[in-house]
Amino acid sequence: MKRFKRLAAVVSLSLIITIIIVPCAVFFANAQTIEGATATQSTTENIDSDRVTKAYVDDKNLTNKQTQDTTQKAKSFDDAKKKADKTATVVKKANAAISNHPAATISVGGKYLLDIANPDPSYVSYSIELTDYDRDILERLVMGEAGGEGYIGCCLVAQAIRDTMISDGYKSVDALRKSMGYYGSIYTTPNEDVLNAVKFIFDEGGAAVQHNIVYFYAPNLCTSGWHESQEFVVAHNSHRFFDRW
């Protein structure tokens, strides 16, 4: 009888485990599976959302860059057009100025090499003593600026340098060259025209024209509205020479 009761208790316990505990375990296992799946889905959705956001930001940045590039190209085009228009205006003014000034004539027996339309009666030319170094720089500079312009052309450039040294107080040719921004090469050996021109202007105090000269430029190499705004003195070969107003 006792054995039967024990068997009945074991059977009852098994039934309880089967009916209550096993379903609970299955329920909790399913709940964890569902929770895991939900977390995975949420993670996947977050990744997809991040990708969409990044794609949107990238597209927006690309659009902004394209807009900036287009704007910059338009601005560059406008700037180029303005420069071209300005250059055309300068060329037009320079050509008009050239046609409005009578050409200088070679002086016959006069103190100056060229007779000009607007001589300055108060102009006085002076000699300047040069150091060996300054003479070498000067001769090379005149050669670089006007070596192919003949004797008179070299004298005009030398006079411009001499007159500027006197009017602006430069103590050396080299200081003037650097300050005034002369572009002529100083690496070419001076020819006879240059040597004679430097001697005439600096050593003998001669002058090519009866007028102070400070600036000059070559219209066939560049255009310069600024030069043309100064007081025109003389044109010779490829150079135009000016004084300050």
Protein backbone atom coordinates (compact mmCIF):
# COMPACT_ATOMS: atom_id res chain seq x y z
CA MET A 1 0.00 0.00 0.00
CA LYS A 2 2.77 2.37 0.85
CA ARG A 3 4.52 1.55 -2.41
CA PHE A 4 1.35 2.40 -4.31
CA LYS A 5 1.06 5.79 -2.57
CA ARG A 6 4.67 6.63 -3.47
CA LEU A 7 4.07 5.72 -7.08
CA ALA A 8 0.96 7.87 -7.12
CA ALA A 9 2.95 10.83 -5.69
CA VAL A 10 5.65 10.45 -8.37
CA VAL A 11 3.04 10.33 -11.11
CA SER A 12 1.31 13.41 -9.70
CA LEU A 13 4.58 15.31 -9.59
CA SER A 14 5.36 14.38 -13.20
CA LEU A 15 1.94 15.58 -14.27
CA ILE A 16 2.49 18.89 -12.46
CA ILE A 17 5.88 19.36 -14.20
CA THR A 18 4.39 18.50 -17.57
CA ILE A 19 1.31 20.68 -17.19
CA ILE A 20 2.80 23.78 -15.47
CA ILE A 21 6.57 23.99 -15.61
CA VAL A 22 7.18 22.85 -19.21
CA PRO A 23 4.68 25.34 -20.73
CA CYS A 24 6.20 28.12 -18.65
CA ALA A 25 9.67 27.24 -19.85
CA VAL A 26 8.47 27.17 -23.44
CA PHE A 27 6.73 30.52 -22.94
CA PHE A 28 9.85 32.16 -21.55
CA ALA A 29 11.97 30.67 -24.33
CA ASN A 30 9.59 32.01 -26.98
CA ALA A 31 9.54 35.40 -25.26
CA GLN A 32 13.33 35.59 -25.39
CA THR A 33 13.31 34.57 -29.06
CA ILE A 34 10.75 37.24 -29.87
CA GLU A 35 12.71 39.84 -27.90
CA GLY A 36 15.90 38.90 -29.73
CA ALA A 37 14.17 39.11 -33.09
CA THR A 38 12.69 42.47 -32.17
CA ALA A 39 16.12 43.79 -31.12
CA THR A 40 17.66 42.52 -34.36
CA GLN A 41 14.90 44.13 -36.40
CA SER A 42 15.35 47.38 -34.48
CA THR A 43 19.11 47.31 -35.10
CA THR A 44 18.55 46.64 -38.80
CA GLU A 45 16.06 49.48 -39.00
CA ASN A 46 18.52 51.83 -37.27
CA ILE A 47 21.28 50.86 -39.73
CA ASP A 48 18.95 51.44 -42.67
CA SER A 49 17.90 54.79 -41.21
CA ASP A 50 21.54 55.83 -40.79
CA ARG A 51 22.27 54.85 -44.40
CA VAL A 52 19.33 56.89 -45.65
CA THR A 53 20.41 59.88 -43.55
CA LYS A 54 24.01 59.63 -44.78
CA ALA A 55 22.85 59.35 -48.39
CA TYR A 56 20.68 62.46 -47.93
CA VAL A 57 23.54 64.41 -46.37
CA ASP A 58 25.94 63.30 -49.13
CA ASP A 59 23.46 64.34 -51.82
CA LYS A 60 22.95 67.71 -50.14
CA ASN A 61 26.68 68.30 -49.85
CA LEU A 62 27.16 67.36 -53.50
CA THR A 63 24.39 69.73 -54.54
CA ASN A 64 25.92 72.55 -52.48
CA LYS A 65 29.36 71.92 -54.01
CA GLN A 66 27.92 71.91 -57.53
CA THR A 67 26.14 75.17 -56.77
CA GLN A 68 29.35 76.72 -55.41
CA ASP A 69 31.33 75.53 -58.44
CA THR A 70 28.75 77.00 -60.79
CA THR A 71 28.77 80.30 -58.88
CA GLN A 72 32.58 80.41 -58.91
CA LYS A 73 32.72 79.73 -62.64
CA ALA A 74 30.21 82.48 -63.27
CA LYS A 75 32.21 84.89 -61.11
CA SER A 76 35.45 83.94 -62.89
CA PHE A 77 33.79 84.55 -66.23
CA ASP A 78 32.50 87.95 -65.09
CA ASP A 79 35.95 88.89 -63.74
CA ALA A 80 37.63 87.85 -66.98
CA LYS A 81 35.12 89.87 -69.00
CA LYS A 82 35.67 92.95 -66.82
CA LYS A 83 39.44 92.64 -67.23
CA ALA A 84 39.07 92.24 -70.99
CA ASP A 85 36.81 95.31 -71.16
CA LYS A 86 39.23 97.31 -69.02
CA THR A 87 42.18 96.29 -71.18
CA ALA A 88 40.28 97.26 -74.33
CA THR A 89 39.53 100.68 -72.81
CA VAL A 90 43.18 101.21 -71.85
CA VAL A 91 44.33 100.24 -75.34
CA LYS A 92 41.82 102.63 -76.88
CA LYS A 93 42.99 105.51 -74.65
CA ALA A 94 46.65 104.73 -75.32
CA ASN A 95 46.10 104.69 -79.07
CA ALA A 96 44.22 107.98 -78.85
CA ALA A 97 47.03 109.49 -76.77
CA ILE A 98 49.64 108.35 -79.28
CA SER A 99 47.77 109.92 -82.17
CA ASN A 100 47.27 113.18 -80.25
CA HIS A 101 50.97 113.80 -79.61
CA PRO A 102 53.18 114.94 -82.46
CA ALA A 103 56.36 112.97 -82.98
CA ALA A 104 59.63 114.45 -81.74
CA THR A 105 62.18 115.54 -84.31
CA ILE A 106 65.92 115.13 -84.16
CA SER A 107 67.51 118.38 -83.07
CA VAL A 108 69.95 119.95 -85.50
CA GLY A 109 72.75 121.75 -83.70
CA GLY A 110 70.72 122.14 -80.52
CA LYS A 111 71.63 121.36 -76.92
CA TYR A 112 69.17 118.49 -76.79
CA LEU A 113 68.99 115.41 -78.99
CA LEU A 114 65.26 115.73 -79.75
CA ASP A 115 63.00 118.74 -80.21
CA ILE A 116 59.65 118.11 -78.48
CA ALA A 117 56.28 119.87 -78.61
CA ASN A 118 56.26 120.81 -74.93
CA PRO A 119 59.82 121.71 -73.81
CA ASP A 120 60.23 122.92 -70.24
CA PRO A 121 62.33 126.14 -70.20
CA SER A 122 63.08 125.66 -66.49
CA TYR A 123 64.54 122.19 -66.96
CA VAL A 124 68.20 121.84 -66.03
CA SER A 125 70.22 118.67 -66.52
CA TYR A 126 73.02 117.68 -64.15
CA SER A 127 75.88 115.25 -64.15
CA ILE A 128 76.06 112.54 -61.48
CA GLU A 129 79.26 110.89 -60.30
CA LEU A 130 78.94 107.10 -60.30
CA THR A 131 80.77 104.42 -58.36
CA ASP A 132 82.19 101.58 -60.46
CA TYR A 133 79.45 99.29 -59.14
CA ASP A 134 76.65 101.75 -59.95
CA ARG A 135 78.07 102.43 -63.42
CA ASP A 136 78.10 98.71 -64.16
CA ILE A 137 74.49 98.30 -62.94
CA LEU A 138 73.39 101.41 -64.86
CA GLU A 139 74.96 100.35 -68.16
CA ARG A 140 73.48 96.87 -67.88
CA LEU A 141 70.07 98.29 -66.93
CA VAL A 142 70.00 100.69 -69.89
CA MET A 143 71.06 97.79 -72.09
CA GLY A 144 68.20 95.67 -70.78
CA GLU A 145 65.64 98.45 -71.22
CA ALA A 146 66.75 100.02 -74.50
CA GLY A 147 69.80 98.22 -75.90
CA GLY A 148 68.11 97.83 -79.27
CA GLU A 149 66.67 101.36 -79.41
CA GLY A 150 69.79 103.09 -80.76
CA TYR A 151 71.81 105.88 -79.17
CA ILE A 152 68.88 108.29 -78.69
CA GLY A 153 66.67 105.58 -77.16
CA CYS A 154 69.44 104.68 -74.71
CA CYS A 155 69.91 108.36 -73.83
CA LEU A 156 66.18 108.74 -73.08
CA VAL A 157 66.21 105.78 -70.68
CA ALA A 158 69.43 106.97 -69.06
CA GLN A 159 67.92 110.45 -68.66
CA ALA A 160 64.80 108.98 -67.03
CA ILE A 161 67.02 107.19 -64.52
CA ARG A 162 69.18 110.29 -63.90
CA ASP A 163 66.21 112.67 -63.56
CA THR A 164 64.43 110.30 -61.15
CA MET A 165 67.56 109.93 -59.00
CA ILE A 166 67.72 113.73 -58.70
CA SER A 167 64.01 114.44 -58.17
CA ASP A 168 63.40 111.55 -55.76
CA GLY A 169 66.72 111.65 -53.94
CA TYR A 170 68.03 108.17 -54.73
CA LYS A 171 71.66 107.73 -53.71
CA SER A 172 72.39 104.80 -56.01
CA VAL A 173 71.23 103.32 -59.30
CA ASP A 174 70.68 99.94 -57.67
CA ALA A 175 68.33 101.42 -55.05
CA LEU A 176 66.32 103.17 -57.77
CA ARG A 177 66.18 100.02 -59.90
CA LYS A 178 64.68 97.98 -57.07
CA SER A 179 62.30 100.71 -55.92
CA MET A 180 60.96 101.65 -59.36
CA GLY A 181 60.57 98.05 -60.48
CA TYR A 182 62.60 98.14 -63.69
CA TYR A 183 62.23 94.88 -65.60
CA GLY A 184 65.18 95.14 -67.96
CA SER A 185 67.75 92.39 -67.65
CA ILE A 186 71.10 93.30 -66.12
CA TYR A 187 72.83 90.20 -67.47
CA THR A 188 73.59 91.39 -71.01
CA THR A 189 76.88 93.04 -71.86
CA PRO A 190 76.26 96.72 -72.79
CA ASN A 191 76.84 97.77 -76.40
CA GLU A 192 78.52 100.93 -77.70
CA ASP A 193 75.28 102.94 -77.84
CA VAL A 194 74.64 102.24 -74.16
CA LEU A 195 78.18 103.13 -73.07
CA ASN A 196 78.08 106.44 -74.98
CA ALA A 197 74.58 107.27 -73.71
CA VAL A 198 75.54 106.75 -70.06
CA LYS A 199 78.64 108.89 -70.55
CA PHE A 200 76.64 111.71 -72.20
CA ILE A 201 73.81 111.76 -69.63
CA PHE A 202 75.65 111.03 -66.37
CA ASP A 203 79.24 112.16 -66.95
CA GLU A 204 78.59 115.18 -69.18
CA GLY A 205 75.20 116.18 -67.79
CA GLY A 206 73.55 116.01 -71.20
CA ALA A 207 69.85 115.42 -71.92
CA ALA A 208 67.90 113.82 -74.73
CA VAL A 209 64.97 116.25 -74.31
CA GLN A 210 64.38 119.56 -72.54
CA HIS A 211 62.02 118.10 -69.99
CA ASN A 212 62.14 116.04 -66.82
CA ILE A 213 61.48 112.32 -67.40
CA VAL A 214 60.42 109.91 -64.68
CA TYR A 215 58.41 107.07 -66.24
CA PHE A 216 58.46 105.10 -69.48
CA TYR A 217 56.94 101.96 -70.91
CA ALA A 218 56.70 100.01 -74.18
CA PRO A 219 53.14 99.89 -75.62
CA ASN A 220 54.06 96.98 -77.88
CA LEU A 221 54.77 94.88 -74.78
CA CYS A 222 51.96 96.02 -72.47
CA THR A 223 49.16 98.53 -72.01
CA SER A 224 49.23 101.04 -69.18
CA GLY A 225 46.44 103.47 -68.48
CA TRP A 226 48.40 104.61 -65.44
CA HIS A 227 51.39 105.72 -67.52
CA GLU A 228 49.08 107.43 -69.98
CA SER A 229 47.53 109.38 -67.09
CA GLN A 230 50.90 111.07 -66.47
CA GLU A 231 52.31 114.05 -68.40
CA PHE A 232 53.42 112.83 -71.81
CA VAL A 233 56.88 114.04 -72.86
CA VAL A 234 58.05 112.12 -75.91
CA ALA A 235 57.69 108.87 -77.87
CA HIS A 236 60.71 107.29 -79.48
CA ASN A 237 60.78 103.95 -81.28
CA SER A 238 58.98 101.46 -79.00
CA HIS A 239 58.97 103.57 -75.80
CA ARG A 240 56.81 106.39 -74.44
CA PHE A 241 58.22 108.71 -71.77
CA PHE A 242 56.38 110.72 -69.11
CA ASP A 243 56.86 113.18 -66.26
CA ARG A 244 54.67 113.55 -63.17
CA TRP A 245 51.94 116.11 -63.30
